Amino acid sequence: MPKKQPPLDFERTLSELETLVERMEKGELTLEASLSDFERGIQLIRLCQKSLAEAEQKVQILMEKNGTVQAEPFESDDE
């Protein structure tokens, strides 16, 4: 049975994705390296999306009131 890799946490995943983007934006990579980084970037984006979806589900569960989930819009400091 293949050994599972430990899941990356959101911050490390996002940091790796940012590093890949910076490297690709410099335009100094070979085509093969760019494609490899692009492929890894897609994997990282999917991991980030999954982490965010899981976090949203947890928040909705924590906000459960009287047996029903009452989703409330998130208000950030940026608004």
Protein backbone atom coordinates (compact mmCIF):
# COMPACT_ATOMS: atom_id res chain seq x y z
CA MET A 1 0.00 0.00 0.00
CA PRO A 2 1.54 3.38 -0.97
CA LYS A 3 2.40 5.67 1.87
CA LYS A 4 0.25 8.81 2.01
CA GLN A 5 1.99 12.15 2.11
CA PRO A 6 1.07 14.25 5.13
CA PRO A 7 -1.36 17.02 4.18
CA LEU A 8 0.14 20.45 3.71
CA ASP A 9 -1.37 23.18 5.78
CA PHE A 10 -3.04 26.06 3.97
CA GLU A 11 -0.36 28.64 4.69
CA ARG A 12 2.50 26.44 3.48
CA THR A 13 0.55 25.47 0.38
CA LEU A 14 -0.21 29.10 -0.43
CA SER A 15 3.40 30.09 0.21
CA GLU A 16 4.66 27.41 -2.19
CA LEU A 17 2.15 28.58 -4.79
CA GLU A 18 3.33 32.18 -4.43
CA THR A 19 6.95 31.06 -4.88
CA LEU A 20 6.04 29.19 -8.07
CA VAL A 21 4.21 32.22 -9.47
CA GLU A 22 7.16 34.51 -8.72
CA ARG A 23 9.56 32.09 -10.40
CA MET A 24 7.37 31.80 -13.47
CA GLU A 25 6.85 35.57 -13.72
CA LYS A 26 10.60 36.10 -13.99
CA GLY A 27 10.48 34.24 -17.30
CA GLU A 28 13.86 32.60 -16.80
CA LEU A 29 12.65 28.99 -16.68
CA THR A 30 12.87 26.50 -19.48
CA LEU A 31 9.64 25.39 -21.10
CA GLU A 32 9.85 22.05 -19.30
CA ALA A 33 10.43 23.71 -15.92
CA SER A 34 7.58 26.15 -16.55
CA LEU A 35 5.21 23.30 -17.40
CA SER A 36 6.30 21.38 -14.32
CA ASP A 37 5.78 24.43 -12.10
CA PHE A 38 2.41 25.09 -13.75
CA GLU A 39 1.31 21.52 -13.07
CA ARG A 40 2.42 21.79 -9.43
CA GLY A 41 0.63 25.13 -9.17
CA ILE A 42 -2.64 23.55 -10.31
CA GLN A 43 -2.23 20.86 -7.64
CA LEU A 44 -1.60 23.52 -5.00
CA ILE A 45 -4.62 25.56 -6.10
CA ARG A 46 -6.81 22.49 -5.73
CA LEU A 47 -5.42 21.83 -2.26
CA CYS A 48 -6.11 25.44 -1.25
CA GLN A 49 -9.65 25.25 -2.62
CA LYS A 50 -10.26 22.02 -0.70
CA SER A 51 -8.91 23.52 2.53
CA LEU A 52 -11.11 26.60 2.15
CA ALA A 53 -14.20 24.48 1.43
CA GLU A 54 -13.51 22.34 4.50
CA ALA A 55 -13.04 25.43 6.64
CA GLU A 56 -16.32 26.87 5.36
CA GLN A 57 -18.12 23.65 6.25
CA LYS A 58 -16.68 23.73 9.77
CA VAL A 59 -17.76 27.35 10.23
CA GLN A 60 -21.29 26.50 9.10
CA ILE A 61 -21.44 23.59 11.54
CA LEU A 62 -20.21 25.81 14.37
CA MET A 63 -22.85 28.39 13.50
CA GLU A 64 -25.64 25.80 13.72
CA LYS A 65 -28.57 27.11 15.72
CA ASN A 66 -31.72 25.25 16.75
CA GLY A 67 -30.91 22.30 14.52
CA THR A 68 -30.52 24.34 11.32
CA VAL A 69 -27.52 25.95 9.76
CA GLN A 70 -27.84 29.67 9.42
CA ALA A 71 -25.18 30.86 7.03
CA GLU A 72 -24.15 34.44 7.66
CA PRO A 73 -22.01 36.52 5.31
CA PHE A 74 -18.42 36.96 6.33
CA GLU A 75 -17.53 40.58 6.90
CA SER A 76 -13.82 41.26 6.60
CA ASP A 77 -11.96 44.34 7.73
CA ASP A 78 -11.33 45.14 4.05
CA GLU A 79 -14.95 46.08 3.41
